[in-house]
């Protein structure tokens, strides 16, 4: 889960064979959530 628009960038990177790296502290990794479907998404 990252700022809105990241998913689109990732799809574009995959289509153009550009590697996408995610940089985050280990505290951002939530092993209690199996997949992204369980991540709450803020609506502003």
ModelCIF file with pLDDT and N, C-alpha, C, O atoms, coordinates in Angstrom:
data_MODEL
#
_entry.id   MODEL 
#
_entity.id                         1 
_entity.type                       polymer 
_entity.pdbx_number_of_molecules   1 
#
_entity_poly.entity_id                      1 
_entity_poly.type                           'polypeptide(L)' 
_entity_poly.nstd_linkage                   no 
_entity_poly.nstd_monomer                   no 
_entity_poly.pdbx_seq_one_letter_code       
;(UNK)(UNK)(UNK)(UNK)(UNK)(UNK)(UNK)(UNK)(UNK)(UNK)(UNK)(UNK)(UNK)(UNK)(UNK)(UNK)
(UNK)(UNK)(UNK)(UNK)(UNK)(UNK)(UNK)(UNK)(UNK)(UNK)(UNK)(UNK)(UNK)(UNK)(UNK)(UNK)
(UNK)(UNK)(UNK)(UNK)(UNK)(UNK)(UNK)(UNK)(UNK)(UNK)(UNK)(UNK)
;
_entity_poly.pdbx_seq_one_letter_code_can   XXXXXXXXXXXXXXXXXXXXXXXXXXXXXXXXXXXXXXXXXXXX 
_entity_poly.pdbx_strand_id                 A 
#
loop_
_entity_poly_seq.entity_id 
_entity_poly_seq.num 
_entity_poly_seq.mon_id 
_entity_poly_seq.hetero 
1 1  UNK n 
1 2  UNK n 
1 3  UNK n 
1 4  UNK n 
1 5  UNK n 
1 6  UNK n 
1 7  UNK n 
1 8  UNK n 
1 9  UNK n 
1 10 UNK n 
1 11 UNK n 
1 12 UNK n 
1 13 UNK n 
1 14 UNK n 
1 15 UNK n 
1 16 UNK n 
1 17 UNK n 
1 18 UNK n 
1 19 UNK n 
1 20 UNK n 
1 21 UNK n 
1 22 UNK n 
1 23 UNK n 
1 24 UNK n 
1 25 UNK n 
1 26 UNK n 
1 27 UNK n 
1 28 UNK n 
1 29 UNK n 
1 30 UNK n 
1 31 UNK n 
1 32 UNK n 
1 33 UNK n 
1 34 UNK n 
1 35 UNK n 
1 36 UNK n 
1 37 UNK n 
1 38 UNK n 
1 39 UNK n 
1 40 UNK n 
1 41 UNK n 
1 42 UNK n 
1 43 UNK n 
1 44 UNK n 
#
_struct_asym.id          A 
_struct_asym.entity_id   1 
#
loop_
_ma_qa_metric.id 
_ma_qa_metric.mode 
_ma_qa_metric.name 
_ma_qa_metric.software_group_id 
_ma_qa_metric.type 
1 global pLDDT . pLDDT 
2 local  pLDDT . pLDDT 
#
_ma_qa_metric_global.metric_id      1 
_ma_qa_metric_global.metric_value   97.75 
_ma_qa_metric_global.model_id       1 
_ma_qa_metric_global.ordinal_id     1 
#
loop_
_ma_qa_metric_local.label_asym_id 
_ma_qa_metric_local.label_comp_id 
_ma_qa_metric_local.label_seq_id 
_ma_qa_metric_local.metric_id 
_ma_qa_metric_local.metric_value 
_ma_qa_metric_local.model_id 
_ma_qa_metric_local.ordinal_id 
A UNK 1  2 98.00 1 1  
A UNK 2  2 98.00 1 2  
A UNK 3  2 98.00 1 3  
A UNK 4  2 98.00 1 4  
A UNK 5  2 98.00 1 5  
A UNK 6  2 98.00 1 6  
A UNK 7  2 98.00 1 7  
A UNK 8  2 98.00 1 8  
A UNK 9  2 98.00 1 9  
A UNK 10 2 98.00 1 10 
A UNK 11 2 98.00 1 11 
A UNK 12 2 98.00 1 12 
A UNK 13 2 98.00 1 13 
A UNK 14 2 98.00 1 14 
A UNK 15 2 98.00 1 15 
A UNK 16 2 98.00 1 16 
A UNK 17 2 98.00 1 17 
A UNK 18 2 98.00 1 18 
A UNK 19 2 98.00 1 19 
A UNK 20 2 98.00 1 20 
A UNK 21 2 99.00 1 21 
A UNK 22 2 98.00 1 22 
A UNK 23 2 98.00 1 23 
A UNK 24 2 98.00 1 24 
A UNK 25 2 98.00 1 25 
A UNK 26 2 97.00 1 26 
A UNK 27 2 96.00 1 27 
A UNK 28 2 97.00 1 28 
A UNK 29 2 97.00 1 29 
A UNK 30 2 97.00 1 30 
A UNK 31 2 97.00 1 31 
A UNK 32 2 97.00 1 32 
A UNK 33 2 97.00 1 33 
A UNK 34 2 98.00 1 34 
A UNK 35 2 98.00 1 35 
A UNK 36 2 98.00 1 36 
A UNK 37 2 98.00 1 37 
A UNK 38 2 98.00 1 38 
A UNK 39 2 98.00 1 39 
A UNK 40 2 97.00 1 40 
A UNK 41 2 98.00 1 41 
A UNK 42 2 98.00 1 42 
A UNK 43 2 97.00 1 43 
A UNK 44 2 97.00 1 44 
#
loop_
_atom_site.group_PDB 
_atom_site.id 
_atom_site.type_symbol 
_atom_site.label_atom_id 
_atom_site.label_alt_id 
_atom_site.label_comp_id 
_atom_site.label_asym_id 
_atom_site.label_entity_id 
_atom_site.label_seq_id 
_atom_site.pdbx_PDB_ins_code 
_atom_site.Cartn_x 
_atom_site.Cartn_y 
_atom_site.Cartn_z 
_atom_site.occupancy 
_atom_site.B_iso_or_equiv 
_atom_site.pdbx_formal_charge 
_atom_site.auth_seq_id 
_atom_site.auth_comp_id 
_atom_site.auth_asym_id 
_atom_site.auth_atom_id 
_atom_site.pdbx_PDB_model_num 
ATOM 1   N N  . UNK A 1 1  ? 0.864   -1.187  0.000   1.00 98.00 ? 1  UNK A N  1 
ATOM 2   C CA . UNK A 1 1  ? 0.000   0.000   0.000   1.00 98.00 ? 1  UNK A CA 1 
ATOM 3   C C  . UNK A 1 1  ? 0.897   1.232   0.000   1.00 98.00 ? 1  UNK A C  1 
ATOM 4   O O  . UNK A 1 1  ? 1.751   1.397   0.871   1.00 98.00 ? 1  UNK A O  1 
ATOM 5   N N  . UNK A 1 2  ? 0.689   2.081   -0.979  1.00 98.00 ? 2  UNK A N  1 
ATOM 6   C CA . UNK A 1 2  ? 1.443   3.330   -1.067  1.00 98.00 ? 2  UNK A CA 1 
ATOM 7   C C  . UNK A 1 2  ? 0.517   4.391   -1.678  1.00 98.00 ? 2  UNK A C  1 
ATOM 8   O O  . UNK A 1 2  ? -0.633  4.106   -2.011  1.00 98.00 ? 2  UNK A O  1 
ATOM 9   N N  . UNK A 1 3  ? 1.026   5.592   -1.816  1.00 98.00 ? 3  UNK A N  1 
ATOM 10  C CA . UNK A 1 3  ? 0.235   6.721   -2.305  1.00 98.00 ? 3  UNK A CA 1 
ATOM 11  C C  . UNK A 1 3  ? -0.504  6.362   -3.592  1.00 98.00 ? 3  UNK A C  1 
ATOM 12  O O  . UNK A 1 3  ? 0.031   5.683   -4.468  1.00 98.00 ? 3  UNK A O  1 
ATOM 13  N N  . UNK A 1 4  ? -1.739  6.833   -3.682  1.00 98.00 ? 4  UNK A N  1 
ATOM 14  C CA . UNK A 1 4  ? -2.565  6.547   -4.847  1.00 98.00 ? 4  UNK A CA 1 
ATOM 15  C C  . UNK A 1 4  ? -1.800  6.894   -6.133  1.00 98.00 ? 4  UNK A C  1 
ATOM 16  O O  . UNK A 1 4  ? -1.184  7.955   -6.235  1.00 98.00 ? 4  UNK A O  1 
ATOM 17  N N  . UNK A 1 5  ? -1.850  5.994   -7.093  1.00 98.00 ? 5  UNK A N  1 
ATOM 18  C CA . UNK A 1 5  ? -1.099  6.158   -8.333  1.00 98.00 ? 5  UNK A CA 1 
ATOM 19  C C  . UNK A 1 5  ? 0.084   5.216   -8.435  1.00 98.00 ? 5  UNK A C  1 
ATOM 20  O O  . UNK A 1 5  ? 0.608   4.986   -9.525  1.00 98.00 ? 5  UNK A O  1 
ATOM 21  N N  . UNK A 1 6  ? 0.510   4.667   -7.295  1.00 98.00 ? 6  UNK A N  1 
ATOM 22  C CA . UNK A 1 6  ? 1.654   3.748   -7.311  1.00 98.00 ? 6  UNK A CA 1 
ATOM 23  C C  . UNK A 1 6  ? 1.336   2.483   -8.100  1.00 98.00 ? 6  UNK A C  1 
ATOM 24  O O  . UNK A 1 6  ? 2.176   1.985   -8.850  1.00 98.00 ? 6  UNK A O  1 
ATOM 25  N N  . UNK A 1 7  ? 0.131   1.971   -7.931  1.00 98.00 ? 7  UNK A N  1 
ATOM 26  C CA . UNK A 1 7  ? -0.280  0.757   -8.649  1.00 98.00 ? 7  UNK A CA 1 
ATOM 27  C C  . UNK A 1 7  ? -0.161  0.968   -10.159 1.00 98.00 ? 7  UNK A C  1 
ATOM 28  O O  . UNK A 1 7  ? 0.356   0.106   -10.870 1.00 98.00 ? 7  UNK A O  1 
ATOM 29  N N  . UNK A 1 8  ? -0.639  2.110   -10.642 1.00 98.00 ? 8  UNK A N  1 
ATOM 30  C CA . UNK A 1 8  ? -0.529  2.398   -12.068 1.00 98.00 ? 8  UNK A CA 1 
ATOM 31  C C  . UNK A 1 8  ? 0.910   2.464   -12.535 1.00 98.00 ? 8  UNK A C  1 
ATOM 32  O O  . UNK A 1 8  ? 1.245   1.949   -13.601 1.00 98.00 ? 8  UNK A O  1 
ATOM 33  N N  . UNK A 1 9  ? 1.764   3.094   -11.744 1.00 98.00 ? 9  UNK A N  1 
ATOM 34  C CA . UNK A 1 9  ? 3.186   3.165   -12.082 1.00 98.00 ? 9  UNK A CA 1 
ATOM 35  C C  . UNK A 1 9  ? 3.781   1.763   -12.141 1.00 98.00 ? 9  UNK A C  1 
ATOM 36  O O  . UNK A 1 9  ? 4.597   1.469   -13.015 1.00 98.00 ? 9  UNK A O  1 
ATOM 37  N N  . UNK A 1 10 ? 3.375   0.893   -11.209 1.00 98.00 ? 10 UNK A N  1 
ATOM 38  C CA . UNK A 1 10 ? 3.902   -0.472  -11.172 1.00 98.00 ? 10 UNK A CA 1 
ATOM 39  C C  . UNK A 1 10 ? 3.506   -1.257  -12.420 1.00 98.00 ? 10 UNK A C  1 
ATOM 40  O O  . UNK A 1 10 ? 4.320   -1.994  -12.976 1.00 98.00 ? 10 UNK A O  1 
ATOM 41  N N  . UNK A 1 11 ? 2.273   -1.100  -12.855 1.00 98.00 ? 11 UNK A N  1 
ATOM 42  C CA . UNK A 1 11 ? 1.819   -1.783  -14.067 1.00 98.00 ? 11 UNK A CA 1 
ATOM 43  C C  . UNK A 1 11 ? 2.606   -1.284  -15.282 1.00 98.00 ? 11 UNK A C  1 
ATOM 44  O O  . UNK A 1 11 ? 3.011   -2.074  -16.134 1.00 98.00 ? 11 UNK A O  1 
ATOM 45  N N  . UNK A 1 12 ? 2.815   0.023   -15.352 1.00 98.00 ? 12 UNK A N  1 
ATOM 46  C CA . UNK A 1 12 ? 3.594   0.594   -16.454 1.00 98.00 ? 12 UNK A CA 1 
ATOM 47  C C  . UNK A 1 12 ? 5.042   0.094   -16.431 1.00 98.00 ? 12 UNK A C  1 
ATOM 48  O O  . UNK A 1 12 ? 5.615   -0.230  -17.472 1.00 98.00 ? 12 UNK A O  1 
ATOM 49  N N  . UNK A 1 13 ? 5.617   0.037   -15.237 1.00 98.00 ? 13 UNK A N  1 
ATOM 50  C CA . UNK A 1 13 ? 6.998   -0.441  -15.122 1.00 98.00 ? 13 UNK A CA 1 
ATOM 51  C C  . UNK A 1 13 ? 7.107   -1.883  -15.601 1.00 98.00 ? 13 UNK A C  1 
ATOM 52  O O  . UNK A 1 13 ? 8.053   -2.241  -16.301 1.00 98.00 ? 13 UNK A O  1 
ATOM 53  N N  . UNK A 1 14 ? 6.141   -2.701  -15.222 1.00 98.00 ? 14 UNK A N  1 
ATOM 54  C CA . UNK A 1 14 ? 6.149   -4.101  -15.658 1.00 98.00 ? 14 UNK A CA 1 
ATOM 55  C C  . UNK A 1 14 ? 6.026   -4.195  -17.173 1.00 98.00 ? 14 UNK A C  1 
ATOM 56  O O  . UNK A 1 14 ? 6.691   -5.020  -17.799 1.00 98.00 ? 14 UNK A O  1 
ATOM 57  N N  . UNK A 1 15 ? 5.179   -3.354  -17.768 1.00 98.00 ? 15 UNK A N  1 
ATOM 58  C CA . UNK A 1 15 ? 4.979   -3.373  -19.219 1.00 98.00 ? 15 UNK A CA 1 
ATOM 59  C C  . UNK A 1 15 ? 6.226   -2.950  -19.979 1.00 98.00 ? 15 UNK A C  1 
ATOM 60  O O  . UNK A 1 15 ? 6.418   -3.343  -21.130 1.00 98.00 ? 15 UNK A O  1 
ATOM 61  N N  . UNK A 1 16 ? 7.073   -2.151  -19.341 1.00 98.00 ? 16 UNK A N  1 
ATOM 62  C CA . UNK A 1 16 ? 8.279   -1.649  -20.000 1.00 98.00 ? 16 UNK A CA 1 
ATOM 63  C C  . UNK A 1 16 ? 9.560   -2.305  -19.472 1.00 98.00 ? 16 UNK A C  1 
ATOM 64  O O  . UNK A 1 16 ? 10.661  -1.821  -19.734 1.00 98.00 ? 16 UNK A O  1 
ATOM 65  N N  . UNK A 1 17 ? 9.412   -3.404  -18.732 1.00 98.00 ? 17 UNK A N  1 
ATOM 66  C CA . UNK A 1 17 ? 10.564  -4.151  -18.191 1.00 98.00 ? 17 UNK A CA 1 
ATOM 67  C C  . UNK A 1 17 ? 11.462  -3.267  -17.332 1.00 98.00 ? 17 UNK A C  1 
ATOM 68  O O  . UNK A 1 17 ? 12.687  -3.377  -17.384 1.00 98.00 ? 17 UNK A O  1 
ATOM 69  N N  . UNK A 1 18 ? 10.850  -2.399  -16.551 1.00 98.00 ? 18 UNK A N  1 
ATOM 70  C CA . UNK A 1 18 ? 11.575  -1.529  -15.621 1.00 98.00 ? 18 UNK A CA 1 
ATOM 71  C C  . UNK A 1 18 ? 11.377  -2.074  -14.204 1.00 98.00 ? 18 UNK A C  1 
ATOM 72  O O  . UNK A 1 18 ? 10.232  -2.208  -13.772 1.00 98.00 ? 18 UNK A O  1 
ATOM 73  N N  . UNK A 1 19 ? 12.434  -2.390  -13.471 1.00 98.00 ? 19 UNK A N  1 
ATOM 74  C CA . UNK A 1 19 ? 12.255  -2.922  -12.119 1.00 98.00 ? 19 UNK A CA 1 
ATOM 75  C C  . UNK A 1 19 ? 11.671  -1.877  -11.174 1.00 98.00 ? 19 UNK A C  1 
ATOM 76  O O  . UNK A 1 19 ? 12.004  -0.695  -11.250 1.00 98.00 ? 19 UNK A O  1 
ATOM 77  N N  . UNK A 1 20 ? 10.800  -2.331  -10.288 1.00 98.00 ? 20 UNK A N  1 
ATOM 78  C CA . UNK A 1 20 ? 10.216  -1.461  -9.275  1.00 98.00 ? 20 UNK A CA 1 
ATOM 79  C C  . UNK A 1 20 ? 10.652  -1.946  -7.896  1.00 98.00 ? 20 UNK A C  1 
ATOM 80  O O  . UNK A 1 20 ? 10.406  -3.089  -7.512  1.00 98.00 ? 20 UNK A O  1 
ATOM 81  N N  . UNK A 1 21 ? 11.304  -1.049  -7.165  1.00 99.00 ? 21 UNK A N  1 
ATOM 82  C CA . UNK A 1 21 ? 11.763  -1.351  -5.819  1.00 99.00 ? 21 UNK A CA 1 
ATOM 83  C C  . UNK A 1 21 ? 10.938  -0.570  -4.799  1.00 99.00 ? 21 UNK A C  1 
ATOM 84  O O  . UNK A 1 21 ? 10.606  0.595   -5.018  1.00 99.00 ? 21 UNK A O  1 
ATOM 85  N N  . UNK A 1 22 ? 10.617  -1.210  -3.707  1.00 98.00 ? 22 UNK A N  1 
ATOM 86  C CA . UNK A 1 22 ? 9.923   -0.566  -2.594  1.00 98.00 ? 22 UNK A CA 1 
ATOM 87  C C  . UNK A 1 22 ? 10.909  -0.435  -1.445  1.00 98.00 ? 22 UNK A C  1 
ATOM 88  O O  . UNK A 1 22 ? 11.540  -1.414  -1.047  1.00 98.00 ? 22 UNK A O  1 
ATOM 89  N N  . UNK A 1 23 ? 11.041  0.779   -0.913  1.00 98.00 ? 23 UNK A N  1 
ATOM 90  C CA . UNK A 1 23 ? 11.946  1.023   0.208   1.00 98.00 ? 23 UNK A CA 1 
ATOM 91  C C  . UNK A 1 23 ? 11.118  1.420   1.422   1.00 98.00 ? 23 UNK A C  1 
ATOM 92  O O  . UNK A 1 23 ? 10.372  2.399   1.379   1.00 98.00 ? 23 UNK A O  1 
ATOM 93  N N  . UNK A 1 24 ? 11.250  0.661   2.502   1.00 98.00 ? 24 UNK A N  1 
ATOM 94  C CA . UNK A 1 24 ? 10.430  0.927   3.684   1.00 98.00 ? 24 UNK A CA 1 
ATOM 95  C C  . UNK A 1 24 ? 11.083  0.324   4.916   1.00 98.00 ? 24 UNK A C  1 
ATOM 96  O O  . UNK A 1 24 ? 11.775  -0.688  4.815   1.00 98.00 ? 24 UNK A O  1 
ATOM 97  N N  . UNK A 1 25 ? 10.872  0.930   6.073   1.00 98.00 ? 25 UNK A N  1 
ATOM 98  C CA . UNK A 1 25 ? 11.376  0.324   7.306   1.00 98.00 ? 25 UNK A CA 1 
ATOM 99  C C  . UNK A 1 25 ? 10.640  -0.979  7.591   1.00 98.00 ? 25 UNK A C  1 
ATOM 100 O O  . UNK A 1 25 ? 9.503   -1.164  7.158   1.00 98.00 ? 25 UNK A O  1 
ATOM 101 N N  . UNK A 1 26 ? 11.286  -1.869  8.312   1.00 97.00 ? 26 UNK A N  1 
ATOM 102 C CA . UNK A 1 26 ? 10.633  -3.144  8.617   1.00 97.00 ? 26 UNK A CA 1 
ATOM 103 C C  . UNK A 1 26 ? 9.351   -2.930  9.414   1.00 97.00 ? 26 UNK A C  1 
ATOM 104 O O  . UNK A 1 26 ? 8.457   -3.774  9.375   1.00 97.00 ? 26 UNK A O  1 
ATOM 105 N N  . UNK A 1 27 ? 9.247   -1.830  10.127  1.00 96.00 ? 27 UNK A N  1 
ATOM 106 C CA . UNK A 1 27 ? 8.036   -1.530  10.887  1.00 96.00 ? 27 UNK A CA 1 
ATOM 107 C C  . UNK A 1 27 ? 6.832   -1.300  9.985   1.00 96.00 ? 27 UNK A C  1 
ATOM 108 O O  . UNK A 1 27 ? 5.698   -1.318  10.463  1.00 96.00 ? 27 UNK A O  1 
ATOM 109 N N  . UNK A 1 28 ? 7.054   -1.083  8.682   1.00 97.00 ? 28 UNK A N  1 
ATOM 110 C CA . UNK A 1 28 ? 5.946   -0.916  7.737   1.00 97.00 ? 28 UNK A CA 1 
ATOM 111 C C  . UNK A 1 28 ? 5.424   -2.251  7.225   1.00 97.00 ? 28 UNK A C  1 
ATOM 112 O O  . UNK A 1 28 ? 4.413   -2.294  6.524   1.00 97.00 ? 28 UNK A O  1 
ATOM 113 N N  . UNK A 1 29 ? 6.106   -3.336  7.568   1.00 97.00 ? 29 UNK A N  1 
ATOM 114 C CA . UNK A 1 29 ? 5.692   -4.661  7.125   1.00 97.00 ? 29 UNK A CA 1 
ATOM 115 C C  . UNK A 1 29 ? 4.755   -5.258  8.172   1.00 97.00 ? 29 UNK A C  1 
ATOM 116 O O  . UNK A 1 29 ? 5.121   -5.414  9.337   1.00 97.00 ? 29 UNK A O  1 
ATOM 117 N N  . UNK A 1 30 ? 3.558   -5.582  7.742   1.00 97.00 ? 30 UNK A N  1 
ATOM 118 C CA . UNK A 1 30 ? 2.519   -6.074  8.640   1.00 97.00 ? 30 UNK A CA 1 
ATOM 119 C C  . UNK A 1 30 ? 2.253   -7.543  8.342   1.00 97.00 ? 30 UNK A C  1 
ATOM 120 O O  . UNK A 1 30 ? 1.425   -7.876  7.495   1.00 97.00 ? 30 UNK A O  1 
ATOM 121 N N  . UNK A 1 31 ? 2.963   -8.414  9.046   1.00 97.00 ? 31 UNK A N  1 
ATOM 122 C CA . UNK A 1 31 ? 2.825   -9.845  8.804   1.00 97.00 ? 31 UNK A CA 1 
ATOM 123 C C  . UNK A 1 31 ? 1.490   -10.384 9.293   1.00 97.00 ? 31 UNK A C  1 
ATOM 124 O O  . UNK A 1 31 ? 1.138   -11.527 9.001   1.00 97.00 ? 31 UNK A O  1 
ATOM 125 N N  . UNK A 1 32 ? 0.741   -9.568  10.040  1.00 97.00 ? 32 UNK A N  1 
ATOM 126 C CA . UNK A 1 32 ? -0.573  -10.013 10.507  1.00 97.00 ? 32 UNK A CA 1 
ATOM 127 C C  . UNK A 1 32 ? -1.619  -9.936  9.404   1.00 97.00 ? 32 UNK A C  1 
ATOM 128 O O  . UNK A 1 32 ? -2.702  -10.505 9.544   1.00 97.00 ? 32 UNK A O  1 
ATOM 129 N N  . UNK A 1 33 ? -1.317  -9.246  8.315   1.00 97.00 ? 33 UNK A N  1 
ATOM 130 C CA . UNK A 1 33 ? -2.230  -9.131  7.178   1.00 97.00 ? 33 UNK A CA 1 
ATOM 131 C C  . UNK A 1 33 ? -1.712  -10.000 6.045   1.00 97.00 ? 33 UNK A C  1 
ATOM 132 O O  . UNK A 1 33 ? -0.601  -9.802  5.554   1.00 97.00 ? 33 UNK A O  1 
ATOM 133 N N  . UNK A 1 34 ? -2.522  -10.959 5.638   1.00 98.00 ? 34 UNK A N  1 
ATOM 134 C CA . UNK A 1 34 ? -2.082  -11.946 4.655   1.00 98.00 ? 34 UNK A CA 1 
ATOM 135 C C  . UNK A 1 34 ? -1.803  -11.329 3.297   1.00 98.00 ? 34 UNK A C  1 
ATOM 136 O O  . UNK A 1 34 ? -0.808  -11.662 2.652   1.00 98.00 ? 34 UNK A O  1 
ATOM 137 N N  . UNK A 1 35 ? -2.684  -10.422 2.854   1.00 98.00 ? 35 UNK A N  1 
ATOM 138 C CA . UNK A 1 35 ? -2.521  -9.823  1.532   1.00 98.00 ? 35 UNK A CA 1 
ATOM 139 C C  . UNK A 1 35 ? -3.009  -8.385  1.563   1.00 98.00 ? 35 UNK A C  1 
ATOM 140 O O  . UNK A 1 35 ? -3.541  -7.916  2.570   1.00 98.00 ? 35 UNK A O  1 
ATOM 141 N N  . UNK A 1 36 ? -2.823  -7.699  0.457   1.00 98.00 ? 36 UNK A N  1 
ATOM 142 C CA . UNK A 1 36 ? -3.237  -6.305  0.374   1.00 98.00 ? 36 UNK A CA 1 
ATOM 143 C C  . UNK A 1 36 ? -4.730  -6.106  0.516   1.00 98.00 ? 36 UNK A C  1 
ATOM 144 O O  . UNK A 1 36 ? -5.177  -5.003  0.832   1.00 98.00 ? 36 UNK A O  1 
ATOM 145 N N  . UNK A 1 37 ? -5.508  -7.147  0.291   1.00 98.00 ? 37 UNK A N  1 
ATOM 146 C CA . UNK A 1 37 ? -6.960  -7.038  0.430   1.00 98.00 ? 37 UNK A CA 1 
ATOM 147 C C  . UNK A 1 37 ? -7.359  -6.680  1.860   1.00 98.00 ? 37 UNK A C  1 
ATOM 148 O O  . UNK A 1 37 ? -8.450  -6.156  2.086   1.00 98.00 ? 37 UNK A O  1 
ATOM 149 N N  . UNK A 1 38 ? -6.489  -6.956  2.819   1.00 98.00 ? 38 UNK A N  1 
ATOM 150 C CA . UNK A 1 38 ? -6.798  -6.678  4.219   1.00 98.00 ? 38 UNK A CA 1 
ATOM 151 C C  . UNK A 1 38 ? -6.290  -5.334  4.707   1.00 98.00 ? 38 UNK A C  1 
ATOM 152 O O  . UNK A 1 38 ? -6.465  -5.000  5.878   1.00 98.00 ? 38 UNK A O  1 
ATOM 153 N N  . UNK A 1 39 ? -5.664  -4.555  3.832   1.00 98.00 ? 39 UNK A N  1 
ATOM 154 C CA . UNK A 1 39 ? -5.125  -3.249  4.238   1.00 98.00 ? 39 UNK A CA 1 
ATOM 155 C C  . UNK A 1 39 ? -6.224  -2.191  4.148   1.00 98.00 ? 39 UNK A C  1 
ATOM 156 O O  . UNK A 1 39 ? -6.817  -2.016  3.084   1.00 98.00 ? 39 UNK A O  1 
ATOM 157 N N  . UNK A 1 40 ? -6.507  -1.486  5.239   1.00 97.00 ? 40 UNK A N  1 
ATOM 158 C CA . UNK A 1 40 ? -7.526  -0.428  5.163   1.00 97.00 ? 40 UNK A CA 1 
ATOM 159 C C  . UNK A 1 40 ? -7.013  0.743   4.332   1.00 97.00 ? 40 UNK A C  1 
ATOM 160 O O  . UNK A 1 40 ? -5.860  1.153   4.470   1.00 97.00 ? 40 UNK A O  1 
ATOM 161 N N  . UNK A 1 41 ? -7.867  1.274   3.477   1.00 98.00 ? 41 UNK A N  1 
ATOM 162 C CA . UNK A 1 41 ? -7.487  2.378   2.592   1.00 98.00 ? 41 UNK A CA 1 
ATOM 163 C C  . UNK A 1 41 ? -8.218  3.643   3.028   1.00 98.00 ? 41 UNK A C  1 
ATOM 164 O O  . UNK A 1 41 ? -9.448  3.682   3.059   1.00 98.00 ? 41 UNK A O  1 
ATOM 165 N N  . UNK A 1 42 ? -7.461  4.660   3.358   1.00 98.00 ? 42 UNK A N  1 
ATOM 166 C CA . UNK A 1 42 ? -8.016  5.936   3.777   1.00 98.00 ? 42 UNK A CA 1 
ATOM 167 C C  . UNK A 1 42 ? -8.656  6.651   2.591   1.00 98.00 ? 42 UNK A C  1 
ATOM 168 O O  . UNK A 1 42 ? -8.079  6.714   1.506   1.00 98.00 ? 42 UNK A O  1 
ATOM 169 N N  . UNK A 1 43 ? -9.848  7.185   2.810   1.00 97.00 ? 43 UNK A N  1 
ATOM 170 C CA . UNK A 1 43 ? -10.474 8.043   1.816   1.00 97.00 ? 43 UNK A CA 1 
ATOM 171 C C  . UNK A 1 43 ? -10.531 9.456   2.378   1.00 97.00 ? 43 UNK A C  1 
ATOM 172 O O  . UNK A 1 43 ? -11.009 9.664   3.494   1.00 97.00 ? 43 UNK A O  1 
ATOM 173 N N  . UNK A 1 44 ? -10.049 10.421  1.617   1.00 97.00 ? 44 UNK A N  1 
ATOM 174 C CA . UNK A 1 44 ? -9.930  11.785  2.089   1.00 97.00 ? 44 UNK A CA 1 
ATOM 175 C C  . UNK A 1 44 ? -10.996 12.685  1.467   1.00 97.00 ? 44 UNK A C  1 
ATOM 176 O O  . UNK A 1 44 ? -11.042 13.880  1.759   1.00 97.00 ? 44 UNK A O  1 
#
